[in-house]
Amino acid sequence: MLEFRNARQRADAKEQAVRLHVQFAPESMVSKRRVAVALLKAIPAFYDAVKRPLVTESISPSLIKFLERVGFKSSRGNDYIYEVAKEKSA
């Protein structure tokens, strides 16, 4: 299950991120691989739709490793942020 909510993420109040609250079903109900495949598709698609950084919190070493492979970067505390660098205009 994914829940999306607006949340202030940065010291600059003009910047807003969408906070992802993620809850995983037990492995007896859904495999880690199936969840990973779904997240690999959903994260970039959701980012493209909202056009704002995505932020999530984790203390799970395996989830953090996955987030970093997807493109999340460590932010503050246990937060990890996903944002695509904006292309510079010529």
PDB file of N, CA and C in Angstrom:
ATOM      1  N   MET A   1       0.842  -1.157   0.000  1.00  0.00           N
ATOM      2  CA  MET A   1       0.000   0.000   0.000  1.00  0.00           C
ATOM      3  C   MET A   1       0.897   1.232   0.000  1.00  0.00           C
ATOM      4  N   LEU A   2       0.561   2.219  -0.799  1.00  0.00           N
ATOM      5  CA  LEU A   2       1.260   3.496  -0.808  1.00  0.00           C
ATOM      6  C   LEU A   2       0.271   4.585  -0.453  1.00  0.00           C
ATOM      7  N   GLU A   3       0.740   5.536   0.315  1.00  0.00           N
ATOM      8  CA  GLU A   3      -0.087   6.687   0.670  1.00  0.00           C
ATOM      9  C   GLU A   3       0.724   7.924   0.307  1.00  0.00           C
ATOM     10  N   PHE A   4       0.134   8.862  -0.416  1.00  0.00           N
ATOM     11  CA  PHE A   4       0.829  10.070  -0.846  1.00  0.00           C
ATOM     12  C   PHE A   4       0.217  11.271  -0.140  1.00  0.00           C
ATOM     13  N   ARG A   5       1.099  12.106   0.433  1.00  0.00           N
ATOM     14  CA  ARG A   5       0.639  13.263   1.179  1.00  0.00           C
ATOM     15  C   ARG A   5       1.620  14.403   0.968  1.00  0.00           C
ATOM     16  N   ASN A   6       1.132  15.636   0.850  1.00  0.00           N
ATOM     17  CA  ASN A   6       2.035  16.786   0.769  1.00  0.00           C
ATOM     18  C   ASN A   6       2.726  16.971   2.109  1.00  0.00           C
ATOM     19  N   ALA A   7       4.020  17.303   2.048  1.00  0.00           N
ATOM     20  CA  ALA A   7       4.766  17.562   3.284  1.00  0.00           C
ATOM     21  C   ALA A   7       5.870  18.564   2.996  1.00  0.00           C
ATOM     22  N   ARG A   8       6.064  19.512   3.882  1.00  0.00           N
ATOM     23  CA  ARG A   8       7.190  20.440   3.750  1.00  0.00           C
ATOM     24  C   ARG A   8       8.457  19.647   4.012  1.00  0.00           C
ATOM     25  N   GLN A   9       9.435  19.726   3.120  1.00  0.00           N
ATOM     26  CA  GLN A   9      10.638  18.916   3.261  1.00  0.00           C
ATOM     27  C   GLN A   9      11.880  19.755   3.513  1.00  0.00           C
ATOM     28  N   ARG A  10      11.967  20.938   2.980  1.00  0.00           N
ATOM     29  CA  ARG A  10      13.208  21.695   3.054  1.00  0.00           C
ATOM     30  C   ARG A  10      13.051  22.927   3.910  1.00  0.00           C
ATOM     31  N   ALA A  11      14.187  23.500   4.258  1.00  0.00           N
ATOM     32  CA  ALA A  11      14.177  24.727   5.048  1.00  0.00           C
ATOM     33  C   ALA A  11      13.505  25.854   4.269  1.00  0.00           C
ATOM     34  N   ASP A  12      13.660  25.855   2.951  1.00  0.00           N
ATOM     35  CA  ASP A  12      13.031  26.848   2.090  1.00  0.00           C
ATOM     36  C   ASP A  12      11.545  26.514   1.987  1.00  0.00           C
ATOM     37  N   ALA A  13      10.718  27.338   2.584  1.00  0.00           N
ATOM     38  CA  ALA A  13       9.275  27.050   2.646  1.00  0.00           C
ATOM     39  C   ALA A  13       8.629  27.025   1.268  1.00  0.00           C
ATOM     40  N   LYS A  14       9.283  27.588   0.255  1.00  0.00           N
ATOM     41  CA  LYS A  14       8.702  27.586  -1.089  1.00  0.00           C
ATOM     42  C   LYS A  14       8.809  26.209  -1.731  1.00  0.00           C
ATOM     43  N   GLU A  15       9.767  25.400  -1.295  1.00  0.00           N
ATOM     44  CA  GLU A  15       9.949  24.058  -1.845  1.00  0.00           C
ATOM     45  C   GLU A  15       9.011  23.098  -1.123  1.00  0.00           C
ATOM     46  N   GLN A  16       8.334  22.261  -1.877  1.00  0.00           N
ATOM     47  CA  GLN A  16       7.478  21.245  -1.270  1.00  0.00           C
ATOM     48  C   GLN A  16       7.821  19.896  -1.860  1.00  0.00           C
ATOM     49  N   ALA A  17       7.736  18.900  -1.041  1.00  0.00           N
ATOM     50  CA  ALA A  17       7.932  17.526  -1.481  1.00  0.00           C
ATOM     51  C   ALA A  17       6.662  16.753  -1.179  1.00  0.00           C
ATOM     52  N   VAL A  18       6.496  15.659  -1.863  1.00  0.00           N
ATOM     53  CA  VAL A  18       5.394  14.753  -1.584  1.00  0.00           C
ATOM     54  C   VAL A  18       5.977  13.614  -0.751  1.00  0.00           C
ATOM     55  N   ARG A  19       5.449  13.448   0.440  1.00  0.00           N
ATOM     56  CA  ARG A  19       5.958  12.395   1.325  1.00  0.00           C
ATOM     57  C   ARG A  19       5.250  11.089   1.010  1.00  0.00           C
ATOM     58  N   LEU A  20       6.051  10.038   0.818  1.00  0.00           N
ATOM     59  CA  LEU A  20       5.524   8.700   0.572  1.00  0.00           C
ATOM     60  C   LEU A  20       5.513   7.934   1.885  1.00  0.00           C
ATOM     61  N   HIS A  21       4.360   7.472   2.280  1.00  0.00           N
ATOM     62  CA  HIS A  21       4.241   6.607   3.449  1.00  0.00           C
ATOM     63  C   HIS A  21       3.979   5.211   2.909  1.00  0.00           C
ATOM     64  N   VAL A  22       4.912   4.318   3.120  1.00  0.00           N
ATOM     65  CA  VAL A  22       4.832   2.994   2.516  1.00  0.00           C
ATOM     66  C   VAL A  22       4.661   1.941   3.606  1.00  0.00           C
ATOM     67  N   GLN A  23       3.717   1.068   3.395  1.00  0.00           N
ATOM     68  CA  GLN A  23       3.504  -0.055   4.298  1.00  0.00           C
ATOM     69  C   GLN A  23       3.503  -1.323   3.457  1.00  0.00           C
ATOM     70  N   PHE A  24       4.345  -2.268   3.816  1.00  0.00           N
ATOM     71  CA  PHE A  24       4.465  -3.495   3.040  1.00  0.00           C
ATOM     72  C   PHE A  24       3.634  -4.609   3.653  1.00  0.00           C
ATOM     73  N   ALA A  25       2.993  -5.374   2.787  1.00  0.00           N
ATOM     74  CA  ALA A  25       2.260  -6.558   3.230  1.00  0.00           C
ATOM     75  C   ALA A  25       3.276  -7.628   3.630  1.00  0.00           C
ATOM     76  N   PRO A  26       2.862  -8.580   4.452  1.00  0.00           N
ATOM     77  CA  PRO A  26       3.772  -9.666   4.820  1.00  0.00           C
ATOM     78  C   PRO A  26       4.224 -10.441   3.576  1.00  0.00           C
ATOM     79  N   GLU A  27       5.458 -10.966   3.638  1.00  0.00           N
ATOM     80  CA  GLU A  27       5.985 -11.732   2.502  1.00  0.00           C
ATOM     81  C   GLU A  27       5.128 -12.950   2.181  1.00  0.00           C
ATOM     82  N   SER A  28       4.367 -13.426   3.143  1.00  0.00           N
ATOM     83  CA  SER A  28       3.479 -14.564   2.878  1.00  0.00           C
ATOM     84  C   SER A  28       2.353 -14.174   1.923  1.00  0.00           C
ATOM     85  N   MET A  29       2.102 -12.870   1.785  1.00  0.00           N
ATOM     86  CA  MET A  29       1.030 -12.385   0.910  1.00  0.00           C
ATOM     87  C   MET A  29       1.553 -11.881  -0.430  1.00  0.00           C
ATOM     88  N   VAL A  30       2.755 -11.302  -0.428  1.00  0.00           N
ATOM     89  CA  VAL A  30       3.311 -10.741  -1.657  1.00  0.00           C
ATOM     90  C   VAL A  30       4.832 -10.808  -1.578  1.00  0.00           C
ATOM     91  N   SER A  31       5.450 -11.193  -2.669  1.00  0.00           N
ATOM     92  CA  SER A  31       6.907 -11.353  -2.659  1.00  0.00           C
ATOM     93  C   SER A  31       7.609  -9.994  -2.707  1.00  0.00           C
ATOM     94  N   LYS A  32       8.823  -9.952  -2.146  1.00  0.00           N
ATOM     95  CA  LYS A  32       9.624  -8.724  -2.200  1.00  0.00           C
ATOM     96  C   LYS A  32       9.873  -8.326  -3.656  1.00  0.00           C
ATOM     97  N   ARG A  33      10.091  -9.331  -4.509  1.00  0.00           N
ATOM     98  CA  ARG A  33      10.354  -9.049  -5.935  1.00  0.00           C
ATOM     99  C   ARG A  33       9.162  -8.336  -6.575  1.00  0.00           C
ATOM    100  N   ARG A  34       7.975  -8.813  -6.299  1.00  0.00           N
ATOM    101  CA  ARG A  34       6.779  -8.190  -6.878  1.00  0.00           C
ATOM    102  C   ARG A  34       6.633  -6.738  -6.403  1.00  0.00           C
ATOM    103  N   VAL A  35       6.887  -6.500  -5.132  1.00  0.00           N
ATOM    104  CA  VAL A  35       6.828  -5.140  -4.589  1.00  0.00           C
ATOM    105  C   VAL A  35       7.896  -4.271  -5.241  1.00  0.00           C
ATOM    106  N   ALA A  36       9.117  -4.794  -5.368  1.00  0.00           N
ATOM    107  CA  ALA A  36      10.219  -4.033  -5.976  1.00  0.00           C
ATOM    108  C   ALA A  36       9.899  -3.659  -7.416  1.00  0.00           C
ATOM    109  N   VAL A  37       9.379  -4.593  -8.186  1.00  0.00           N
ATOM    110  CA  VAL A  37       9.020  -4.319  -9.580  1.00  0.00           C
ATOM    111  C   VAL A  37       7.951  -3.228  -9.654  1.00  0.00           C
ATOM    112  N   ALA A  38       6.959  -3.305  -8.776  1.00  0.00           N
ATOM    113  CA  ALA A  38       5.901  -2.291  -8.760  1.00  0.00           C
ATOM    114  C   ALA A  38       6.469  -0.917  -8.403  1.00  0.00           C
ATOM    115  N   LEU A  39       7.354  -0.865  -7.397  1.00  0.00           N
ATOM    116  CA  LEU A  39       7.941   0.417  -6.993  1.00  0.00           C
ATOM    117  C   LEU A  39       8.844   0.992  -8.083  1.00  0.00           C
ATOM    118  N   LEU A  40       9.573   0.127  -8.796  1.00  0.00           N
ATOM    119  CA  LEU A  40      10.441   0.602  -9.883  1.00  0.00           C
ATOM    120  C   LEU A  40       9.643   1.311 -10.968  1.00  0.00           C
ATOM    121  N   LYS A  41       8.419   0.885 -11.165  1.00  0.00           N
ATOM    122  CA  LYS A  41       7.544   1.524 -12.151  1.00  0.00           C
ATOM    123  C   LYS A  41       6.815   2.728 -11.554  1.00  0.00           C
ATOM    124  N   ALA A  42       6.354   2.579 -10.321  1.00  0.00           N
ATOM    125  CA  ALA A  42       5.502   3.596  -9.713  1.00  0.00           C
ATOM    126  C   ALA A  42       6.248   4.868  -9.327  1.00  0.00           C
ATOM    127  N   ILE A  43       7.449   4.752  -8.799  1.00  0.00           N
ATOM    128  CA  ILE A  43       8.173   5.934  -8.308  1.00  0.00           C
ATOM    129  C   ILE A  43       8.435   6.942  -9.425  1.00  0.00           C
ATOM    130  N   PRO A  44       9.068   6.544 -10.544  1.00  0.00           N
ATOM    131  CA  PRO A  44       9.285   7.530 -11.613  1.00  0.00           C
ATOM    132  C   PRO A  44       7.976   8.063 -12.212  1.00  0.00           C
ATOM    133  N   ALA A  45       6.976   7.205 -12.338  1.00  0.00           N
ATOM    134  CA  ALA A  45       5.693   7.640 -12.904  1.00  0.00           C
ATOM    135  C   ALA A  45       5.026   8.658 -11.986  1.00  0.00           C
ATOM    136  N   PHE A  46       5.050   8.409 -10.690  1.00  0.00           N
ATOM    137  CA  PHE A  46       4.440   9.344  -9.751  1.00  0.00           C
ATOM    138  C   PHE A  46       5.206  10.667  -9.737  1.00  0.00           C
ATOM    139  N   TYR A  47       6.534  10.586  -9.757  1.00  0.00           N
ATOM    140  CA  TYR A  47       7.354  11.805  -9.804  1.00  0.00           C
ATOM    141  C   TYR A  47       7.005  12.636 -11.042  1.00  0.00           C
ATOM    142  N   ASP A  48       6.894  11.980 -12.191  1.00  0.00           N
ATOM    143  CA  ASP A  48       6.538  12.690 -13.434  1.00  0.00           C
ATOM    144  C   ASP A  48       5.173  13.346 -13.331  1.00  0.00           C
ATOM    145  N   ALA A  49       4.256  12.715 -12.608  1.00  0.00           N
ATOM    146  CA  ALA A  49       2.899  13.253 -12.480  1.00  0.00           C
ATOM    147  C   ALA A  49       2.838  14.455 -11.547  1.00  0.00           C
ATOM    148  N   VAL A  50       3.560  14.418 -10.436  1.00  0.00           N
ATOM    149  CA  VAL A  50       3.454  15.502  -9.457  1.00  0.00           C
ATOM    150  C   VAL A  50       4.474  16.614  -9.670  1.00  0.00           C
ATOM    151  N   LYS A  51       5.556  16.321 -10.397  1.00  0.00           N
ATOM    152  CA  LYS A  51       6.598  17.320 -10.708  1.00  0.00           C
ATOM    153  C   LYS A  51       7.195  17.953  -9.456  1.00  0.00           C
ATOM    154  N   ARG A  52       7.282  17.167  -8.388  1.00  0.00           N
ATOM    155  CA  ARG A  52       7.891  17.641  -7.142  1.00  0.00           C
ATOM    156  C   ARG A  52       8.733  16.512  -6.560  1.00  0.00           C
ATOM    157  N   PRO A  53       9.703  16.862  -5.716  1.00  0.00           N
ATOM    158  CA  PRO A  53      10.505  15.811  -5.089  1.00  0.00           C
ATOM    159  C   PRO A  53       9.631  14.870  -4.263  1.00  0.00           C
ATOM    160  N   LEU A  54      10.068  13.626  -4.173  1.00  0.00           N
ATOM    161  CA  LEU A  54       9.402  12.630  -3.340  1.00  0.00           C
ATOM    162  C   LEU A  54      10.314  12.352  -2.157  1.00  0.00           C
ATOM    163  N   VAL A  55       9.755  12.219  -0.984  1.00  0.00           N
ATOM    164  CA  VAL A  55      10.552  11.936   0.211  1.00  0.00           C
ATOM    165  C   VAL A  55       9.896  10.820   1.000  1.00  0.00           C
ATOM    166  N   THR A  56      10.718   9.944   1.540  1.00  0.00           N
ATOM    167  CA  THR A  56      10.225   8.862   2.374  1.00  0.00           C
ATOM    168  C   THR A  56      11.204   8.639   3.516  1.00  0.00           C
ATOM    169  N   GLU A  57      10.759   7.969   4.534  1.00  0.00           N
ATOM    170  CA  GLU A  57      11.588   7.705   5.704  1.00  0.00           C
ATOM    171  C   GLU A  57      11.799   6.202   5.837  1.00  0.00           C
ATOM    172  N   SER A  58      13.014   5.807   6.195  1.00  0.00           N
ATOM    173  CA  SER A  58      13.274   4.395   6.442  1.00  0.00           C
ATOM    174  C   SER A  58      14.465   4.216   7.380  1.00  0.00           C
ATOM    175  N   ILE A  59      14.394   3.144   8.169  1.00  0.00           N
ATOM    176  CA  ILE A  59      15.538   2.723   8.979  1.00  0.00           C
ATOM    177  C   ILE A  59      15.950   1.300   8.594  1.00  0.00           C
ATOM    178  N   SER A  60      15.255   0.727   7.613  1.00  0.00           N
ATOM    179  CA  SER A  60      15.532  -0.633   7.157  1.00  0.00           C
ATOM    180  C   SER A  60      16.721  -0.627   6.193  1.00  0.00           C
ATOM    181  N   PRO A  61      17.829  -1.280   6.551  1.00  0.00           N
ATOM    182  CA  PRO A  61      18.990  -1.290   5.657  1.00  0.00           C
ATOM    183  C   PRO A  61      18.679  -1.811   4.255  1.00  0.00           C
ATOM    184  N   SER A  62      17.846  -2.853   4.154  1.00  0.00           N
ATOM    185  CA  SER A  62      17.537  -3.392   2.825  1.00  0.00           C
ATOM    186  C   SER A  62      16.675  -2.424   2.014  1.00  0.00           C
ATOM    187  N   LEU A  63      15.725  -1.749   2.652  1.00  0.00           N
ATOM    188  CA  LEU A  63      14.911  -0.772   1.934  1.00  0.00           C
ATOM    189  C   LEU A  63      15.751   0.437   1.543  1.00  0.00           C
ATOM    190  N   ILE A  64      16.628   0.885   2.414  1.00  0.00           N
ATOM    191  CA  ILE A  64      17.496   2.027   2.101  1.00  0.00           C
ATOM    192  C   ILE A  64      18.382   1.699   0.901  1.00  0.00           C
ATOM    193  N   LYS A  65      18.933   0.498   0.872  1.00  0.00           N
ATOM    194  CA  LYS A  65      19.763   0.075  -0.265  1.00  0.00           C
ATOM    195  C   LYS A  65      18.941   0.108  -1.558  1.00  0.00           C
ATOM    196  N   PHE A  66      17.705  -0.372  -1.497  1.00  0.00           N
ATOM    197  CA  PHE A  66      16.824  -0.350  -2.665  1.00  0.00           C
ATOM    198  C   PHE A  66      16.529   1.092  -3.083  1.00  0.00           C
ATOM    199  N   LEU A  67      16.184   1.942  -2.123  1.00  0.00           N
ATOM    200  CA  LEU A  67      15.880   3.344  -2.428  1.00  0.00           C
ATOM    201  C   LEU A  67      17.056   4.026  -3.123  1.00  0.00           C
ATOM    202  N   GLU A  68      18.257   3.772  -2.625  1.00  0.00           N
ATOM    203  CA  GLU A  68      19.444   4.381  -3.222  1.00  0.00           C
ATOM    204  C   GLU A  68      19.675   3.873  -4.645  1.00  0.00           C
ATOM    205  N   ARG A  69      19.399   2.603  -4.893  1.00  0.00           N
ATOM    206  CA  ARG A  69      19.528   2.063  -6.261  1.00  0.00           C
ATOM    207  C   ARG A  69      18.517   2.711  -7.205  1.00  0.00           C
ATOM    208  N   VAL A  70      17.343   3.040  -6.685  1.00  0.00           N
ATOM    209  CA  VAL A  70      16.299   3.666  -7.496  1.00  0.00           C
ATOM    210  C   VAL A  70      16.629   5.139  -7.788  1.00  0.00           C
ATOM    211  N   GLY A  71      17.438   5.767  -6.916  1.00  0.00           N
ATOM    212  CA  GLY A  71      17.800   7.159  -7.133  1.00  0.00           C
ATOM    213  C   GLY A  71      17.533   8.090  -5.973  1.00  0.00           C
ATOM    214  N   PHE A  72      17.038   7.553  -4.860  1.00  0.00           N
ATOM    215  CA  PHE A  72      16.842   8.373  -3.669  1.00  0.00           C
ATOM    216  C   PHE A  72      18.207   8.708  -3.071  1.00  0.00           C
ATOM    217  N   LYS A  73      18.304   9.886  -2.470  1.00  0.00           N
ATOM    218  CA  LYS A  73      19.522  10.320  -1.789  1.00  0.00           C
ATOM    219  C   LYS A  73      19.175  10.591  -0.323  1.00  0.00           C
ATOM    220  N   SER A  74      20.147  10.341   0.552  1.00  0.00           N
ATOM    221  CA  SER A  74      19.956  10.628   1.968  1.00  0.00           C
ATOM    222  C   SER A  74      19.700  12.118   2.140  1.00  0.00           C
ATOM    223  N   SER A  75      18.735  12.455   2.983  1.00  0.00           N
ATOM    224  CA  SER A  75      18.377  13.853   3.197  1.00  0.00           C
ATOM    225  C   SER A  75      18.673  14.214   4.646  1.00  0.00           C
ATOM    226  N   ARG A  76      17.639  14.316   5.461  1.00  0.00           N
ATOM    227  CA  ARG A  76      17.811  14.639   6.883  1.00  0.00           C
ATOM    228  C   ARG A  76      17.340  13.470   7.713  1.00  0.00           C
ATOM    229  N   GLY A  77      18.067  13.196   8.783  1.00  0.00           N
ATOM    230  CA  GLY A  77      17.651  12.110   9.674  1.00  0.00           C
ATOM    231  C   GLY A  77      17.502  10.812   8.901  1.00  0.00           C
ATOM    232  N   ASN A  78      16.319  10.232   8.963  1.00  0.00           N
ATOM    233  CA  ASN A  78      16.036   8.972   8.271  1.00  0.00           C
ATOM    234  C   ASN A  78      15.308   9.182   6.953  1.00  0.00           C
ATOM    235  N   ASP A  79      15.280  10.425   6.462  1.00  0.00           N
ATOM    236  CA  ASP A  79      14.583  10.744   5.212  1.00  0.00           C
ATOM    237  C   ASP A  79      15.484  10.512   4.002  1.00  0.00           C
ATOM    238  N   TYR A  80      14.831  10.095   2.919  1.00  0.00           N
ATOM    239  CA  TYR A  80      15.490   9.894   1.632  1.00  0.00           C
ATOM    240  C   TYR A  80      14.647  10.602   0.587  1.00  0.00           C
ATOM    241  N   ILE A  81      15.315  11.334  -0.319  1.00  0.00           N
ATOM    242  CA  ILE A  81      14.595  12.176  -1.268  1.00  0.00           C
ATOM    243  C   ILE A  81      14.908  11.756  -2.703  1.00  0.00           C
ATOM    244  N   TYR A  82      13.885  11.805  -3.542  1.00  0.00           N
ATOM    245  CA  TYR A  82      14.002  11.460  -4.960  1.00  0.00           C
ATOM    246  C   TYR A  82      13.618  12.693  -5.759  1.00  0.00           C
ATOM    247  N   GLU A  83      14.563  13.167  -6.529  1.00  0.00           N
ATOM    248  CA  GLU A  83      14.260  14.266  -7.439  1.00  0.00           C
ATOM    249  C   GLU A  83      15.191  14.169  -8.629  1.00  0.00           C
ATOM    250  N   VAL A  84      14.667  14.481  -9.772  1.00  0.00           N
ATOM    251  CA  VAL A  84      15.438  14.428 -10.996  1.00  0.00           C
ATOM    252  C   VAL A  84      16.022  15.805 -11.225  1.00  0.00           C
ATOM    253  N   ALA A  85      17.317  15.864 -11.535  1.00  0.00           N
ATOM    254  CA  ALA A  85      17.975  17.154 -11.773  1.00  0.00           C
ATOM    255  C   ALA A  85      17.296  17.860 -12.940  1.00  0.00           C
ATOM    256  N   LYS A  86      17.053  19.143 -12.751  1.00  0.00           N
ATOM    257  CA  LYS A  86      16.431  19.940 -13.810  1.00  0.00           C
ATOM    258  C   LYS A  86      17.474  20.277 -14.866  1.00  0.00           C
ATOM    259  N   GLU A  87      17.083  20.151 -16.120  1.00  0.00           N
ATOM    260  CA  GLU A  87      17.988  20.471 -17.209  1.00  0.00           C
ATOM    261  C   GLU A  87      18.130  21.978 -17.315  1.00  0.00           C
ATOM    262  N   LYS A  88      19.375  22.419 -17.564  1.00  0.00           N
ATOM    263  CA  LYS A  88      19.624  23.855 -17.711  1.00  0.00           C
ATOM    264  C   LYS A  88      19.249  24.298 -19.110  1.00  0.00           C
ATOM    265  N   SER A  89      18.615  25.467 -19.204  1.00  0.00           N
ATOM    266  CA  SER A  89      18.250  26.013 -20.513  1.00  0.00           C
ATOM    267  C   SER A  89      19.463  26.641 -21.147  1.00  0.00           C
ATOM    268  N   ALA A  90      19.564  26.519 -22.442  1.00  0.00           N
ATOM    269  CA  ALA A  90      20.710  27.099 -23.162  1.00  0.00           C
ATOM    270  C   ALA A  90      20.490  28.563 -23.426  1.00  0.00           C
TER     271      ALA A  90
END
